[in-house]
N, C-alpha and C. Protein backbone atom coordinates (compact mmCIF):
# COMPACT_ATOMS: atom_id res chain seq x y z
N MET A 1 40.76 20.95 -65.23
CA MET A 1 40.92 20.78 -66.41
C MET A 1 40.88 19.32 -67.00
N ILE A 2 40.15 19.14 -67.88
CA ILE A 2 40.21 17.92 -68.58
C ILE A 2 41.36 17.37 -69.28
N ARG A 3 41.34 16.03 -69.16
CA ARG A 3 42.75 15.65 -69.65
C ARG A 3 42.66 15.36 -71.04
N THR A 4 43.87 15.49 -71.83
CA THR A 4 43.81 14.98 -73.08
C THR A 4 43.23 13.16 -73.26
N ALA A 5 43.54 12.56 -72.46
CA ALA A 5 43.23 11.03 -72.78
C ALA A 5 41.93 10.86 -72.15
N ASP A 6 41.14 11.99 -71.62
CA ASP A 6 39.61 11.54 -71.32
C ASP A 6 38.77 12.34 -72.18
N ILE A 7 39.41 13.42 -72.66
CA ILE A 7 38.42 14.26 -73.88
C ILE A 7 38.62 13.03 -75.02
N ARG A 8 38.83 12.33 -75.39
CA ARG A 8 39.05 11.66 -76.80
C ARG A 8 37.83 10.76 -76.63
N GLU A 9 37.65 10.44 -75.52
CA GLU A 9 36.76 9.09 -75.14
C GLU A 9 35.42 9.89 -75.41
N TRP A 10 35.26 11.02 -75.54
CA TRP A 10 33.92 12.07 -75.85
C TRP A 10 33.77 12.22 -77.14
N ARG A 11 34.53 11.50 -77.96
CA ARG A 11 34.24 12.29 -79.65
C ARG A 11 33.01 11.64 -79.73
N ASN A 12 32.10 12.50 -80.43
CA ASN A 12 30.99 12.24 -81.16
C ASN A 12 30.12 12.04 -80.14
N GLN A 13 30.61 13.00 -78.95
CA GLN A 13 29.42 12.94 -77.72
C GLN A 13 28.52 14.35 -77.69
N ALA A 14 27.54 14.90 -77.41
CA ALA A 14 26.94 15.79 -77.25
C ALA A 14 27.66 17.22 -76.72
N VAL A 15 27.90 18.52 -77.53
CA VAL A 15 28.67 19.48 -76.46
C VAL A 15 27.45 20.31 -76.40
N VAL A 16 26.97 21.00 -75.27
CA VAL A 16 26.43 21.62 -74.50
C VAL A 16 26.78 23.07 -73.94
N ASP A 17 25.69 24.07 -74.09
CA ASP A 17 26.32 25.27 -73.19
C ASP A 17 25.80 25.00 -71.78
N PRO A 18 26.28 26.39 -71.43
CA PRO A 18 25.79 25.90 -69.57
C PRO A 18 24.55 26.18 -69.03
N GLY A 19 23.50 26.28 -69.95
CA GLY A 19 22.16 26.23 -69.92
C GLY A 19 21.44 24.72 -70.45
N GLY A 20 22.61 23.76 -71.00
CA GLY A 20 22.53 22.73 -70.99
C GLY A 20 21.95 22.51 -72.54
N HIS A 21 21.69 23.59 -73.58
CA HIS A 21 21.29 23.64 -75.06
C HIS A 21 22.62 23.04 -75.69
N LYS A 22 22.00 21.86 -76.58
CA LYS A 22 22.92 20.93 -77.46
C LYS A 22 23.56 21.90 -78.28
N ILE A 23 24.97 21.90 -78.40
CA ILE A 23 25.56 23.02 -79.36
C ILE A 23 25.52 21.69 -80.83
N GLY A 24 26.14 20.99 -80.34
CA GLY A 24 26.39 19.92 -81.51
C GLY A 24 27.56 18.66 -81.15
N GLU A 25 28.23 17.96 -82.31
CA GLU A 25 29.10 17.08 -81.39
C GLU A 25 30.57 17.13 -81.02
N LEU A 26 31.21 16.84 -80.95
CA LEU A 26 32.54 17.03 -80.03
C LEU A 26 33.36 16.28 -81.49
N GLU A 27 34.19 16.96 -82.28
CA GLU A 27 34.47 16.15 -83.03
C GLU A 27 36.18 15.84 -82.84
N SER A 28 37.06 16.88 -82.67
CA SER A 28 38.31 16.62 -82.03
C SER A 28 38.65 17.57 -81.09
N VAL A 29 39.56 17.20 -80.49
CA VAL A 29 40.27 18.37 -79.39
C VAL A 29 41.62 18.96 -80.28
N TYR A 30 42.01 20.38 -79.83
CA TYR A 30 43.20 21.02 -80.01
C TYR A 30 43.89 21.02 -78.77
N VAL A 31 45.22 21.31 -78.68
CA VAL A 31 45.65 21.45 -77.29
C VAL A 31 46.55 22.62 -77.73
N ASP A 32 47.00 23.03 -76.86
CA ASP A 32 48.13 24.48 -76.52
C ASP A 32 49.19 23.62 -76.78
N THR A 33 49.92 24.01 -77.75
CA THR A 33 51.34 23.48 -77.98
C THR A 33 52.41 23.73 -76.69
N SER A 34 52.14 24.72 -76.01
CA SER A 34 53.31 25.15 -75.55
C SER A 34 53.11 24.19 -74.28
N THR A 35 51.43 24.16 -73.76
CA THR A 35 51.54 23.21 -72.67
C THR A 35 51.12 21.69 -73.07
N ASP A 36 50.53 21.69 -74.20
CA ASP A 36 50.26 19.87 -74.60
C ASP A 36 48.79 19.75 -73.30
N GLU A 37 48.54 20.72 -73.07
CA GLU A 37 46.67 20.58 -72.59
C GLU A 37 45.35 20.76 -73.44
N PRO A 38 44.22 20.53 -73.10
CA PRO A 38 43.16 20.83 -74.26
C PRO A 38 42.82 22.37 -74.13
N ALA A 39 42.93 22.66 -75.23
CA ALA A 39 42.82 24.37 -75.26
C ALA A 39 41.13 24.65 -76.27
N MET A 40 40.96 23.61 -77.03
CA MET A 40 39.98 24.16 -78.13
C MET A 40 39.30 23.04 -78.36
N ALA A 41 37.73 22.74 -78.54
CA ALA A 41 36.96 21.59 -79.25
C ALA A 41 36.78 22.02 -80.53
N ALA A 42 36.70 20.76 -81.68
CA ALA A 42 36.18 21.40 -82.96
C ALA A 42 35.00 20.69 -82.40
N VAL A 43 33.80 21.24 -82.81
CA VAL A 43 32.04 20.82 -82.67
C VAL A 43 31.42 21.09 -84.03
N ARG A 44 31.29 19.61 -84.60
CA ARG A 44 30.57 19.65 -85.55
C ARG A 44 28.74 19.82 -85.56
N VAL A 45 28.50 21.29 -86.21
CA VAL A 45 27.64 21.99 -86.44
C VAL A 45 26.54 22.00 -87.54
N GLY A 46 25.51 22.29 -87.81
CA GLY A 46 24.61 22.05 -88.99
C GLY A 46 23.52 21.41 -89.29
N LEU A 47 23.02 20.93 -90.94
CA LEU A 47 22.25 20.31 -90.76
C LEU A 47 22.90 19.14 -91.31
N PRO A 48 22.68 17.84 -91.65
CA PRO A 48 23.13 16.79 -91.82
C PRO A 48 23.86 16.43 -92.83
N THR A 49 23.49 17.32 -94.24
CA THR A 49 24.05 17.48 -95.24
C THR A 49 24.86 19.06 -95.22
N ARG A 50 24.83 19.45 -94.29
CA ARG A 50 25.50 20.70 -94.66
C ARG A 50 26.07 20.82 -92.94
N HIS A 51 27.10 19.42 -92.84
CA HIS A 51 27.95 20.19 -91.54
C HIS A 51 29.36 21.09 -91.63
N ARG A 52 29.48 21.38 -90.60
CA ARG A 52 30.84 22.22 -90.44
C ARG A 52 31.25 22.47 -89.11
N LEU A 53 32.41 22.32 -88.64
CA LEU A 53 33.34 22.86 -87.76
C LEU A 53 33.45 23.90 -86.89
N VAL A 54 33.06 24.10 -85.68
CA VAL A 54 33.20 25.66 -84.97
C VAL A 54 34.12 25.28 -83.93
N PHE A 55 34.92 26.11 -83.19
CA PHE A 55 35.34 25.89 -82.30
C PHE A 55 34.99 26.88 -81.00
N VAL A 56 35.36 26.10 -79.88
CA VAL A 56 34.70 26.43 -78.56
C VAL A 56 36.27 26.41 -77.35
N PRO A 57 36.71 27.04 -76.64
CA PRO A 57 37.43 27.05 -75.71
C PRO A 57 37.11 26.16 -74.78
N LEU A 58 38.26 25.05 -74.12
CA LEU A 58 37.52 24.19 -73.30
C LEU A 58 38.01 24.35 -71.48
N GLU A 59 38.21 25.66 -71.35
CA GLU A 59 38.59 26.36 -70.34
C GLU A 59 37.14 26.33 -69.78
N GLY A 60 36.99 26.03 -68.43
CA GLY A 60 35.82 25.40 -67.79
C GLY A 60 35.29 24.65 -68.01
N ALA A 61 35.30 23.91 -69.22
CA ALA A 61 34.61 22.65 -69.49
C ALA A 61 34.13 21.61 -68.55
N THR A 62 33.52 20.79 -68.57
CA THR A 62 33.02 20.01 -67.56
C THR A 62 32.31 19.09 -68.15
N VAL A 63 32.53 17.18 -68.05
CA VAL A 63 32.28 16.42 -68.37
C VAL A 63 31.18 15.89 -67.94
N GLY A 64 30.02 15.05 -68.37
CA GLY A 64 29.07 14.56 -68.12
C GLY A 64 28.85 13.50 -68.37
N LEU A 65 27.65 12.33 -68.15
CA LEU A 65 27.19 11.25 -68.53
C LEU A 65 27.60 11.09 -70.30
N ARG A 66 26.92 12.05 -70.40
CA ARG A 66 27.09 11.29 -72.49
C ARG A 66 27.10 13.25 -72.97
N TYR A 67 27.87 13.73 -72.26
CA TYR A 67 28.18 15.40 -73.05
C TYR A 67 29.14 15.93 -72.38
N VAL A 68 30.05 17.00 -73.14
CA VAL A 68 30.40 18.03 -72.48
C VAL A 68 30.14 19.57 -72.49
N ARG A 69 29.86 20.01 -71.42
CA ARG A 69 29.20 21.09 -71.00
C ARG A 69 30.60 22.06 -71.27
N VAL A 70 30.39 22.98 -71.81
CA VAL A 70 31.61 24.10 -72.44
C VAL A 70 30.92 25.47 -71.27
N ALA A 71 31.67 26.30 -71.44
CA ALA A 71 31.62 27.88 -70.82
C ALA A 71 30.67 28.73 -71.57
N HIS A 72 30.86 28.44 -72.65
CA HIS A 72 30.14 29.26 -73.84
C HIS A 72 29.03 29.12 -74.46
N ASP A 73 28.03 30.15 -74.57
CA ASP A 73 27.01 30.27 -75.05
C ASP A 73 26.50 29.42 -76.33
N ARG A 74 25.39 28.94 -76.84
CA ARG A 74 25.24 28.32 -77.95
C ARG A 74 25.16 29.28 -78.90
N LYS A 75 24.94 30.57 -78.81
CA LYS A 75 24.88 31.41 -80.06
C LYS A 75 26.29 32.03 -80.25
N LEU A 76 26.89 32.12 -79.27
CA LEU A 76 28.30 32.76 -79.77
C LEU A 76 29.05 31.36 -80.44
N VAL A 77 29.33 30.28 -79.72
CA VAL A 77 30.14 29.04 -80.26
C VAL A 77 29.67 29.00 -81.90
N LYS A 78 28.27 29.01 -82.47
CA LYS A 78 28.10 28.63 -83.43
C LYS A 78 28.13 30.03 -84.52
N ARG A 79 28.82 30.96 -84.06
CA ARG A 79 29.00 32.42 -85.12
C ARG A 79 30.72 32.27 -84.77
N SER A 80 31.32 31.22 -84.48
CA SER A 80 32.93 30.87 -84.44
C SER A 80 33.10 30.67 -85.79
N PRO A 81 34.31 31.15 -85.92
CA PRO A 81 34.90 30.98 -86.97
C PRO A 81 34.80 29.39 -87.25
N SER A 82 34.66 28.88 -88.69
CA SER A 82 34.50 27.42 -88.85
C SER A 82 35.33 26.96 -90.08
N ILE A 83 35.30 25.79 -90.46
CA ILE A 83 35.84 24.89 -91.41
C ILE A 83 35.13 23.89 -91.81
N GLY A 84 35.38 23.44 -92.94
CA GLY A 84 34.76 22.02 -93.20
C GLY A 84 34.96 20.47 -92.25
N THR A 85 33.94 19.35 -92.59
CA THR A 85 34.31 18.50 -91.69
C THR A 85 35.70 17.63 -92.03
N ASP A 86 36.06 18.26 -92.94
CA ASP A 86 37.26 17.36 -93.41
C ASP A 86 38.84 17.95 -93.78
N GLY A 87 38.54 19.13 -92.95
CA GLY A 87 39.82 19.81 -92.76
C GLY A 87 40.48 20.11 -91.35
N VAL A 88 41.30 20.61 -91.09
CA VAL A 88 42.09 21.16 -90.26
C VAL A 88 42.10 22.54 -89.90
N LEU A 89 42.06 23.53 -88.53
CA LEU A 89 42.37 24.54 -88.44
C LEU A 89 43.25 25.20 -89.13
N PRO A 90 43.30 25.82 -90.19
CA PRO A 90 44.34 27.01 -90.71
C PRO A 90 45.49 27.54 -89.82
N VAL A 91 46.83 28.00 -89.59
CA VAL A 91 46.93 28.21 -89.11
C VAL A 91 47.15 30.02 -88.94
N GLU A 92 46.74 30.21 -90.19
CA GLU A 92 46.32 31.77 -90.53
C GLU A 92 44.89 32.06 -90.07
N ASP A 93 44.07 30.84 -89.63
CA ASP A 93 42.71 31.46 -89.28
C ASP A 93 42.78 31.17 -87.34
N GLU A 94 44.30 30.85 -86.61
CA GLU A 94 43.91 30.23 -85.72
C GLU A 94 43.42 31.90 -84.67
N GLU A 95 44.14 32.60 -84.64
CA GLU A 95 44.24 33.82 -84.46
C GLU A 95 42.56 34.44 -84.64
N ALA A 96 42.09 34.33 -85.18
CA ALA A 96 40.30 34.53 -85.49
C ALA A 96 39.55 34.06 -84.22
N VAL A 97 40.08 32.52 -84.32
CA VAL A 97 38.89 32.17 -83.21
C VAL A 97 39.04 32.62 -81.73
N PHE A 98 40.50 32.89 -81.45
CA PHE A 98 41.30 33.71 -80.17
C PHE A 98 40.10 34.84 -79.90
N ARG A 99 40.65 35.65 -81.14
CA ARG A 99 39.97 36.96 -80.51
C ARG A 99 38.37 36.77 -80.92
N HIS A 100 37.74 35.96 -81.24
CA HIS A 100 36.13 35.83 -81.22
C HIS A 100 35.63 35.65 -79.60
N TYR A 101 36.58 35.14 -78.87
CA TYR A 101 36.23 34.49 -77.60
C TYR A 101 37.37 35.36 -76.93
N ASP A 102 37.92 37.11 -77.20
CA ASP A 102 38.78 37.77 -76.73
C ASP A 102 39.70 37.22 -75.77
N LEU A 103 40.62 36.18 -76.36
CA LEU A 103 41.49 35.14 -75.94
C LEU A 103 42.44 35.71 -76.15
N ALA A 104 43.59 35.96 -75.69
CA ALA A 104 44.70 36.08 -76.45
C ALA A 104 45.79 35.20 -77.07
N HIS A 105 45.96 35.22 -78.05
CA HIS A 105 46.88 34.43 -79.56
C HIS A 105 48.17 34.75 -79.16
N GLU A 106 48.84 33.40 -78.72
CA GLU A 106 50.34 33.75 -78.60
C GLU A 106 50.97 32.41 -79.20
N PRO A 107 51.47 32.67 -80.38
CA PRO A 107 51.98 31.83 -80.91
C PRO A 107 53.54 31.30 -81.01
N GLY A 108 54.12 30.53 -81.25
CA GLY A 108 55.43 30.50 -80.67
C GLY A 108 56.43 31.41 -81.03
N ALA A 109 57.55 32.07 -80.41
CA ALA A 109 58.40 32.78 -80.97
C ALA A 109 59.12 32.57 -82.30
N ASN A 110 58.47 31.74 -83.23
CA ASN A 110 59.30 31.65 -84.61
C ASN A 110 57.60 31.56 -85.41
N GLY A 111 56.49 32.06 -85.02
CA GLY A 111 55.51 31.75 -85.35
C GLY A 111 54.57 30.55 -85.03
N GLU A 112 54.98 29.37 -84.69
CA GLU A 112 54.67 28.16 -84.88
C GLU A 112 52.72 28.45 -84.34
N ARG A 113 52.41 27.32 -84.50
CA ARG A 113 50.98 27.12 -84.33
C ARG A 113 50.64 27.16 -82.87
N GLN A 114 49.47 27.40 -82.30
CA GLN A 114 49.39 27.49 -81.06
C GLN A 114 48.73 26.59 -80.53
N LEU A 115 47.97 26.21 -81.22
CA LEU A 115 46.78 24.64 -81.53
C LEU A 115 47.24 24.05 -82.37
N ALA A 116 47.05 22.47 -81.90
CA ALA A 116 47.30 21.33 -82.45
C ALA A 116 46.23 20.47 -82.29
N ARG A 117 45.93 19.68 -83.32
CA ARG A 117 44.68 18.62 -83.00
C ARG A 117 45.52 17.37 -83.00
N ARG A 118 44.39 16.69 -81.53
CA ARG A 118 44.71 15.29 -81.23
C ARG A 118 43.88 14.45 -81.66
């Protein structure tokens, strides 16, 4: 797994799918609040005047010379729930991101967030 300290260095680097197709640029990393391990990446996609952030799991991701390769296809990632580039993933939208990738959403016992931006 990619360590939080390492992934911060890759901000603004290319994010590519398993076939090497560029998805966008790494904007930020969201960690799992129960483990503090990197869980999702927010990726900047879209036209220069209409950027948005989409989310992709970091499970199975690898780091190359100038890119982060994720385990999901570009088309799937670009259809992920998105937010504006000046926002943070709202707690009420977390479950939709997990559902998009068929992952279990496991908030804390008192409804705490599962993801936190780093």
